[in-house]
Every structure is written in C-alpha cells, then in structure tokens.
Amino acid sequence: MMKQVQLAKPGGLDNLLYVDAKVPKSKDYEVIVKVGASSLNYHDLLVAQGGIPTRDRRVPLSDCGGVIYQVGESVSKWKEGDSVISCSYPFWTNGPPKASLMKFIGDNLDGYATEYIAVPETSLTRAPKNWSHEEAATLPCAGLTAWVALVEFGKLKAGEIVLVQGTGGVSIFALQLAKAMGAKVIATSSSEQKLKRLRELGADEVINYKTTPNWGREVLKRTNNDGVDHVIEVGGGETFGESVRCTKLGGHIALIGVLSGPAASQIILPHIFLKQIRLSGIAMGNHQHQKNMIEFLDQSSIRPIISDRFPLNKLSEAFQHQIDNNHFGKISIIVDNNLCSL
C-alpha cells in the first residue's frame, strides 16, 4: 500500500483526503514513478478549490521530480533508477497544441500527489543534471512556462528588457532566465521586503505597484520612454492595461495568469495594434520545449527559489499558505523524504 491525496467533490481544501491506495502495476509501455517531490502552481490551487471541476477522488498536482521505480516489458526510454520529471501535458510531445493532446495531469488525469504513479513512458523527460528531485519538481509548470514565454515564443536576446510581475514561481524563473541570458529585468511587487529579495536575485529595477499604481508610466520613465521588450503578464485584468502601456513598439506580452481577474478594466485594443504588440497565450509547453529548457539548465547555474516545504499529508495547509501569498518563488511538497535528501 501507499499514501496519496484524493480530492472529493465538490472540491475545497477540506475535501483533500490523505488516504491509503494500492501501488499501481505498470502495463507494457508504462513506467512506475516513485515520486520524490511536487510543487504548487495556481492551476493546482484552482483544481483543489473546485474552480476547475474534476471527477470525484481525483489525485491532484501536475509537478513531479522522482525516479523510475519499475518499467513495463516494452519500455525502451527508461531504466530503473533514472531521474525524471513530469510533463504537464503527457500527450503533447511536439508541434502546436491540438485539442486532442491537451489532457492535463492533476486535472483531466490523476496527478502526482501520490507516492507511486503509473504513466506512459513518453509522458516524462529526464531531470536536469545534478538537480535534486525537489528542485526538479519546480520545473514542469512554472519553469517551463517562463522558458516558453521568453525563449520559445519571445526569442529573448541579450540586452533586451523584461518586466516580471510579482514573486510567484513563473515570475522568479523568468527573472533568473532573463538574467542568465544577458537581459535587463524590471520587477514589481507590493512588498518592500520582496522587492529587496528581487534585487538580490538580480533585478535591475524594482517598483512597488501598491505605492505606484500607475507603474506602467514609471517603467517608461526608467526606460527613457522606450518601454520594455517583454512582459511576463501574470496579473490579468487589473494589470494588463499597465503592461500594454509600458511595452515598447513591437514588444511582446506573454499572457500567463489572471490573478487579479479575467477581464481588462478599460478599452486598450487600440494601444495594442497601434504599438504593434505581439500577444502570446502561454499555458506551459510541449515535451520538446521542456527538453530544450533542460539542455539550457544543464549549462547554467540557475537553481529554483523554494521558500516553503510541506509534507504530502499537509497539502491543504500548503495551499492555504499559497492563498495567503506568503511565499517567494515555489512551495514544495515533499512526498519521499529519503529521495529528496539524495
């Protein structure tokens, strides 16, 4: 037997159940992954709260860092003991998105809030070299989203300017990637303490959006009225107008989150086409994007910023910590202490 968390209908943190379950057996082209760690994302929170309906007793969480525990008879990609990470879309291996490939693990499919899981051998990639399972578990959603936004879609170049919003996982990864690639970063937060930490991570400019609500004008002021080349837009409706304001002519806005609401509060379409801004909707990426990111990380000194750790049986408390916005970077869920100590 093993331990896992199941979400009972209709959702809500009180309906996250820590239960016993049978250890799965692998089919011909499946592997059993022993989960070392997972990490929390906004999508996971929506699932847990019932905002994204799932079947009763769904196993949540889409991130995983772990090892191959067992392989099916026909498996050729992996061997026992290989370090792997999950792919948020198990069936989207390459190319553009298609509806038939968009099943999301921890939502449409059972996820990684479990000690063991059986998955197709093609639904994983290797972990970066010399990364712990806890570190690797931060990559499949937040890390990959930042990578796709800046590199695969944004075509980031050294010397360009990137604006990141807040201090969640995607924004922190975007800051780290941008600096590693020679870009300048402007970061926003409502906390002076977090702004200080952003500076320590390498942000060239920081702006408190609470004391400077029209922060788009401040960004223009600090860029000689040119604006930024890329915006990592995680705020949604209440921040989008300022993002458009501070994006340079021909710049790029990566639409990633809707933390402040799904609708913009003013008519800004004319500003978008007059400034010839490129908009990209980013919801993670495919397996090839993830492999590209891992190749880059193998050659870099980047390591994820993990501010908090919770054991699997405290998953509801971890989500509440996420709701309270007390974290900086990622919140880890430790599933196997022994694996995570390796």
Protein backbone atom coordinates (compact mmCIF):
# COMPACT_ATOMS: atom_id res chain seq x y z
CA MET A 1 0.00 0.00 0.00
CA MET A 2 0.98 3.63 -0.48
CA LYS A 3 -0.23 7.08 0.56
CA GLN A 4 -1.85 9.60 -1.76
CA VAL A 5 -4.12 12.64 -1.65
CA GLN A 6 -7.51 12.48 -3.35
CA LEU A 7 -9.88 15.39 -3.95
CA ALA A 8 -13.50 14.64 -3.13
CA LYS A 9 -16.28 16.51 -4.89
CA PRO A 10 -17.16 19.37 -4.96
CA GLY A 11 -13.60 20.36 -4.09
CA GLY A 12 -12.29 22.70 -1.42
CA LEU A 13 -9.29 22.37 0.86
CA ASP A 14 -11.33 20.43 3.43
CA ASN A 15 -12.02 17.80 0.77
CA LEU A 16 -8.36 16.92 0.20
CA LEU A 17 -8.20 13.41 1.67
CA TYR A 18 -4.96 11.70 2.71
CA VAL A 19 -5.67 8.03 2.07
CA ASP A 20 -4.21 4.59 1.52
CA ALA A 21 -4.14 3.26 -2.06
CA LYS A 22 -2.76 0.27 -3.90
CA VAL A 23 0.65 0.64 -5.52
CA PRO A 24 -0.02 0.56 -9.29
CA LYS A 25 1.42 -2.02 -11.67
CA SER A 26 2.92 -0.97 -14.99
CA LYS A 27 1.48 -2.05 -18.33
CA ASP A 28 3.69 -2.84 -21.35
CA TYR A 29 4.56 0.76 -22.29
CA GLU A 30 4.21 2.26 -18.83
CA VAL A 31 6.63 3.04 -16.04
CA ILE A 32 6.06 3.33 -12.31
CA VAL A 33 7.49 6.58 -10.95
CA LYS A 34 8.44 6.84 -7.31
CA VAL A 35 7.60 10.47 -6.54
CA GLY A 36 10.18 12.41 -4.58
CA ALA A 37 8.51 15.82 -4.59
CA SER A 38 5.95 18.03 -6.26
CA SER A 39 5.36 21.78 -6.12
CA LEU A 40 2.32 24.04 -6.14
CA ASN A 41 1.02 26.08 -9.07
CA TYR A 42 -2.01 28.33 -9.47
CA HIS A 43 -3.66 25.70 -11.66
CA ASP A 44 -3.31 23.16 -8.83
CA LEU A 45 -4.97 25.60 -6.45
CA LEU A 46 -7.92 26.11 -8.81
CA VAL A 47 -8.37 22.33 -9.04
CA ALA A 48 -8.18 21.95 -5.26
CA GLN A 49 -10.74 24.70 -4.68
CA GLY A 50 -13.16 23.17 -7.16
CA GLY A 51 -12.73 26.03 -9.62
CA ILE A 52 -11.74 23.50 -12.28
CA PRO A 53 -14.21 20.62 -11.95
CA THR A 54 -12.73 17.12 -11.93
CA ARG A 55 -14.08 13.65 -11.30
CA ASP A 56 -14.59 12.56 -7.70
CA ARG A 57 -11.43 11.35 -5.93
CA ARG A 58 -9.09 12.93 -8.47
CA VAL A 59 -5.43 12.84 -7.42
CA PRO A 60 -4.15 16.45 -7.83
CA LEU A 61 -0.77 18.07 -8.63
CA SER A 62 0.95 18.23 -12.00
CA ASP A 63 4.60 18.68 -10.99
CA CYS A 64 6.87 15.76 -10.18
CA GLY A 65 10.52 15.05 -9.59
CA GLY A 66 11.24 11.40 -8.98
CA VAL A 67 12.82 8.17 -10.16
CA ILE A 68 11.79 5.29 -12.37
CA TYR A 69 10.81 2.54 -9.94
CA GLN A 70 9.62 -0.10 -12.41
CA VAL A 71 9.37 -0.44 -16.20
CA GLY A 72 6.88 -2.30 -18.35
CA GLU A 73 8.04 -5.09 -20.65
CA SER A 74 8.01 -2.93 -23.80
CA VAL A 75 9.56 0.23 -22.32
CA SER A 76 12.70 1.40 -24.13
CA LYS A 77 13.19 5.03 -23.00
CA TRP A 78 13.93 4.46 -19.31
CA LYS A 79 15.57 2.12 -16.87
CA GLU A 80 15.05 1.72 -13.14
CA GLY A 81 16.71 4.49 -11.15
CA ASP A 82 16.56 7.17 -13.88
CA SER A 83 15.75 10.68 -12.57
CA VAL A 84 12.72 12.11 -14.35
CA ILE A 85 10.27 14.99 -14.26
CA SER A 86 6.64 15.11 -15.28
CA CYS A 87 5.16 16.71 -18.39
CA SER A 88 2.03 18.73 -17.64
CA TYR A 89 0.50 17.62 -20.93
CA PRO A 90 1.51 13.94 -21.12
CA PHE A 91 0.48 13.54 -24.78
CA TRP A 92 1.75 16.85 -26.27
CA THR A 93 5.18 15.77 -27.41
CA ASN A 94 5.93 18.34 -30.13
CA GLY A 95 4.41 20.85 -32.53
CA PRO A 96 1.48 23.21 -31.99
CA PRO A 97 -1.25 22.48 -29.45
CA LYS A 98 -4.23 20.38 -30.51
CA ALA A 99 -7.39 19.76 -28.51
CA SER A 100 -6.79 16.01 -28.53
CA LEU A 101 -3.40 16.49 -26.81
CA MET A 102 -4.48 18.90 -24.09
CA LYS A 103 -5.26 16.48 -21.26
CA PHE A 104 -3.66 17.99 -18.18
CA ILE A 105 -2.27 15.79 -15.43
CA GLY A 106 -3.72 16.51 -11.99
CA ASP A 107 -6.88 17.76 -13.72
CA ASN A 108 -8.07 15.57 -16.60
CA LEU A 109 -5.81 12.77 -15.36
CA ASP A 110 -4.64 11.68 -11.91
CA GLY A 111 -1.61 13.62 -10.77
CA TYR A 112 1.43 13.35 -8.55
CA ALA A 113 0.06 13.81 -5.02
CA THR A 114 0.94 10.17 -4.52
CA GLU A 115 3.92 8.02 -3.58
CA TYR A 116 3.81 5.99 -6.82
CA ILE A 117 2.15 6.55 -10.19
CA ALA A 118 1.90 4.58 -13.44
CA VAL A 119 2.33 6.73 -16.57
CA PRO A 120 3.18 6.15 -20.24
CA GLU A 121 6.94 6.13 -20.81
CA THR A 122 6.55 9.05 -23.23
CA SER A 123 4.96 11.34 -20.61
CA LEU A 124 8.23 12.18 -18.85
CA THR A 125 11.54 13.84 -19.60
CA ARG A 126 14.84 13.49 -17.83
CA ALA A 127 15.62 15.86 -14.99
CA PRO A 128 18.46 18.39 -15.28
CA LYS A 129 21.86 17.00 -14.34
CA ASN A 130 22.80 17.32 -10.66
CA TRP A 131 19.41 18.71 -9.62
CA SER A 132 17.68 17.26 -6.56
CA HIS A 133 14.20 15.78 -7.03
CA GLU A 134 12.77 18.69 -5.05
CA GLU A 135 14.47 21.22 -7.32
CA ALA A 136 13.47 19.36 -10.48
CA ALA A 137 9.83 19.22 -9.36
CA THR A 138 9.57 23.01 -9.72
CA LEU A 139 10.13 22.91 -13.48
CA PRO A 140 7.22 21.27 -15.38
CA CYS A 141 4.73 24.11 -14.88
CA ALA A 142 6.39 27.30 -13.64
CA GLY A 143 9.85 26.80 -15.09
CA LEU A 144 8.58 25.66 -18.48
CA THR A 145 6.03 28.48 -18.69
CA ALA A 146 8.75 31.09 -18.13
CA TRP A 147 11.01 29.34 -20.66
CA VAL A 148 8.33 29.19 -23.37
CA ALA A 149 7.31 32.80 -22.75
CA LEU A 150 10.81 34.22 -23.04
CA VAL A 151 12.66 31.81 -25.30
CA GLU A 152 10.38 29.66 -27.46
CA PHE A 153 7.83 32.44 -28.16
CA GLY A 154 9.70 35.56 -27.06
CA LYS A 155 13.04 34.83 -28.76
CA LEU A 156 14.77 36.73 -25.96
CA LYS A 157 18.07 38.38 -26.84
CA ALA A 158 20.85 39.71 -24.64
CA GLY A 159 20.39 43.40 -23.85
CA GLU A 160 16.59 43.34 -24.05
CA ILE A 161 14.42 44.43 -21.12
CA VAL A 162 11.99 42.07 -19.38
CA LEU A 163 9.26 43.08 -16.93
CA VAL A 164 8.18 40.48 -14.37
CA GLN A 165 5.18 40.84 -12.10
CA GLY A 166 5.21 39.66 -8.51
CA THR A 167 7.22 36.91 -6.86
CA GLY A 168 5.47 33.69 -7.80
CA GLY A 169 7.18 30.73 -9.40
CA VAL A 170 6.81 31.82 -13.04
CA SER A 171 7.99 35.38 -12.39
CA ILE A 172 11.03 34.27 -10.38
CA PHE A 173 12.05 31.73 -13.02
CA ALA A 174 11.59 34.40 -15.71
CA LEU A 175 13.86 36.77 -13.78
CA GLN A 176 16.53 34.08 -13.43
CA LEU A 177 16.34 33.03 -17.08
CA ALA A 178 16.41 36.61 -18.33
CA LYS A 179 19.49 37.49 -16.30
CA ALA A 180 21.24 34.27 -17.35
CA MET A 181 20.64 35.23 -21.00
CA GLY A 182 22.01 38.75 -20.61
CA ALA A 183 18.75 40.70 -20.37
CA LYS A 184 17.82 43.54 -18.05
CA VAL A 185 14.92 42.93 -15.63
CA ILE A 186 12.38 45.27 -14.06
CA ALA A 187 10.36 43.61 -11.30
CA THR A 188 7.18 44.65 -9.48
CA SER A 189 5.80 43.69 -6.09
CA SER A 190 3.64 45.24 -3.37
CA SER A 191 6.07 44.20 -0.61
CA GLU A 192 9.22 46.17 0.16
CA GLN A 193 10.76 43.06 1.67
CA LYS A 194 10.10 41.07 -1.50
CA LEU A 195 11.42 43.92 -3.64
CA LYS A 196 14.66 43.72 -1.69
CA ARG A 197 14.88 39.98 -2.40
CA LEU A 198 14.20 40.62 -6.09
CA ARG A 199 17.15 43.00 -6.13
CA GLU A 200 19.30 40.32 -4.51
CA LEU A 201 18.28 37.89 -7.26
CA GLY A 202 19.49 40.33 -9.90
CA ALA A 203 16.57 42.59 -10.78
CA ASP A 204 18.00 45.81 -12.23
CA GLU A 205 14.98 47.93 -11.28
CA VAL A 206 12.14 47.30 -8.82
CA ILE A 207 8.78 49.07 -8.48
CA ASN A 208 6.20 48.85 -5.70
CA TYR A 209 2.91 48.63 -7.59
CA LYS A 210 0.93 49.36 -4.43
CA THR A 211 2.55 52.75 -3.83
CA THR A 212 2.88 53.36 -7.59
CA PRO A 213 -0.45 52.14 -9.05
CA ASN A 214 0.34 53.65 -12.48
CA TRP A 215 3.53 51.64 -12.60
CA GLY A 216 3.48 51.45 -16.40
CA ARG A 217 4.39 55.16 -16.52
CA GLU A 218 7.20 54.54 -14.04
CA VAL A 219 8.55 51.75 -16.26
CA LEU A 220 8.54 54.14 -19.23
CA LYS A 221 10.36 56.73 -17.15
CA ARG A 222 13.08 54.20 -16.28
CA THR A 223 13.50 53.08 -19.90
CA ASN A 224 13.91 56.53 -21.47
CA ASN A 225 10.27 56.33 -22.58
CA ASP A 226 11.03 53.34 -24.82
CA GLY A 227 9.30 50.65 -22.77
CA VAL A 228 10.21 47.00 -22.28
CA ASP A 229 10.72 44.26 -24.85
CA HIS A 230 8.88 41.55 -22.91
CA VAL A 231 6.21 41.46 -20.21
CA ILE A 232 5.53 38.35 -18.14
CA GLU A 233 1.86 39.13 -17.55
CA VAL A 234 0.53 37.08 -14.64
CA GLY A 235 -1.84 39.63 -13.11
CA GLY A 236 -4.68 39.61 -15.60
CA GLY A 237 -7.41 42.23 -15.81
CA GLU A 238 -6.09 44.77 -13.32
CA THR A 239 -2.50 44.76 -14.62
CA PHE A 240 -2.96 44.27 -18.35
CA GLY A 241 -3.54 47.96 -19.12
CA GLU A 242 -0.30 48.96 -17.42
CA SER A 243 1.51 46.14 -19.22
CA VAL A 244 0.33 47.46 -22.57
CA ARG A 245 1.32 50.98 -21.54
CA CYS A 246 4.92 50.02 -20.76
CA THR A 247 5.55 47.64 -23.67
CA LYS A 248 7.69 49.13 -26.42
CA LEU A 249 6.69 49.37 -30.06
CA GLY A 250 6.80 45.86 -31.46
CA GLY A 251 7.25 44.37 -28.00
CA HIS A 252 5.92 41.09 -26.63
CA ILE A 253 3.42 40.38 -23.85
CA ALA A 254 3.22 36.79 -22.61
CA LEU A 255 -0.25 36.26 -21.13
CA ILE A 256 0.14 33.67 -18.39
CA GLY A 257 -2.14 34.36 -15.43
CA VAL A 258 -5.32 36.07 -14.33
CA LEU A 259 -4.58 36.53 -10.64
CA SER A 260 -6.44 39.86 -10.47
CA GLY A 261 -9.33 38.82 -12.70
CA PRO A 262 -10.03 37.63 -16.25
CA ALA A 263 -11.26 40.89 -17.80
CA ALA A 264 -9.43 44.14 -18.54
CA SER A 265 -10.97 47.23 -16.95
CA GLN A 266 -10.59 49.56 -19.90
CA ILE A 267 -10.58 49.51 -23.67
CA ILE A 268 -6.95 49.02 -24.66
CA LEU A 269 -7.19 47.30 -28.03
CA PRO A 270 -6.18 50.43 -29.98
CA HIS A 271 -2.99 50.69 -27.95
CA ILE A 272 -2.16 47.07 -28.76
CA PHE A 273 -2.39 47.38 -32.53
CA LEU A 274 -1.02 50.91 -32.73
CA LYS A 275 2.08 49.76 -30.82
CA GLN A 276 2.16 46.53 -32.87
CA ILE A 277 2.45 44.46 -29.70
CA ARG A 278 2.68 40.69 -30.01
CA LEU A 279 0.47 38.78 -27.56
CA SER A 280 1.19 35.16 -26.68
CA GLY A 281 -1.08 33.00 -24.56
CA ILE A 282 1.20 30.68 -22.59
CA ALA A 283 -0.02 27.53 -20.84
CA MET A 284 3.21 25.57 -20.31
CA GLY A 285 4.60 23.89 -23.42
CA ASN A 286 5.27 20.61 -25.16
CA HIS A 287 7.85 17.95 -24.37
CA GLN A 288 10.39 19.32 -26.86
CA HIS A 289 10.18 22.75 -25.20
CA GLN A 290 10.87 21.05 -21.87
CA LYS A 291 13.87 19.18 -23.29
CA ASN A 292 15.24 22.46 -24.69
CA MET A 293 14.89 24.08 -21.26
CA ILE A 294 16.67 21.20 -19.56
CA GLU A 295 19.57 21.39 -22.02
CA PHE A 296 19.94 25.08 -21.15
CA LEU A 297 19.71 24.46 -17.40
CA ASP A 298 22.40 21.78 -17.63
CA GLN A 299 24.81 24.53 -18.72
CA SER A 300 23.61 27.22 -16.30
CA SER A 301 23.97 27.93 -12.58
CA ILE A 302 20.25 28.54 -12.12
CA ARG A 303 18.57 26.81 -9.20
CA PRO A 304 14.93 27.28 -8.20
CA ILE A 305 13.96 29.52 -5.31
CA ILE A 306 11.96 27.40 -2.85
CA SER A 307 10.65 29.36 0.12
CA ASP A 308 8.49 26.76 1.83
CA ARG A 309 8.19 22.98 2.18
CA PHE A 310 5.23 20.87 3.29
CA PRO A 311 4.83 17.09 3.57
CA LEU A 312 2.18 15.43 1.41
CA ASN A 313 -0.17 14.95 4.36
CA LYS A 314 -0.17 18.74 4.89
CA LEU A 315 -1.20 19.57 1.32
CA SER A 316 -4.27 21.59 2.37
CA GLU A 317 -2.06 23.71 4.65
CA ALA A 318 0.35 24.26 1.77
CA PHE A 319 -2.49 25.51 -0.43
CA GLN A 320 -3.62 27.88 2.32
CA HIS A 321 -0.08 29.22 2.53
CA GLN A 322 -0.24 29.80 -1.23
CA ILE A 323 -3.58 31.62 -0.87
CA ASP A 324 -2.11 33.83 1.84
CA ASN A 325 0.66 34.84 -0.60
CA ASN A 326 3.37 34.33 1.97
CA HIS A 327 5.71 32.50 -0.40
CA PHE A 328 8.52 33.76 -2.60
CA GLY A 329 9.15 31.55 -5.61
CA LYS A 330 7.97 27.97 -5.16
CA ILE A 331 6.22 25.91 -2.48
CA SER A 332 7.48 22.33 -2.41
CA ILE A 333 5.50 19.25 -1.46
CA ILE A 334 7.80 16.57 -0.10
CA VAL A 335 6.46 13.11 -0.91
CA ASP A 336 9.51 10.96 -0.08
CA ASN A 337 11.99 12.43 2.38
CA ASN A 338 14.62 9.82 1.59
CA LEU A 339 14.57 10.59 -2.15
CA CYS A 340 14.66 14.33 -1.53
CA SER A 341 17.68 14.02 0.73
CA LEU A 342 19.78 12.41 -2.03
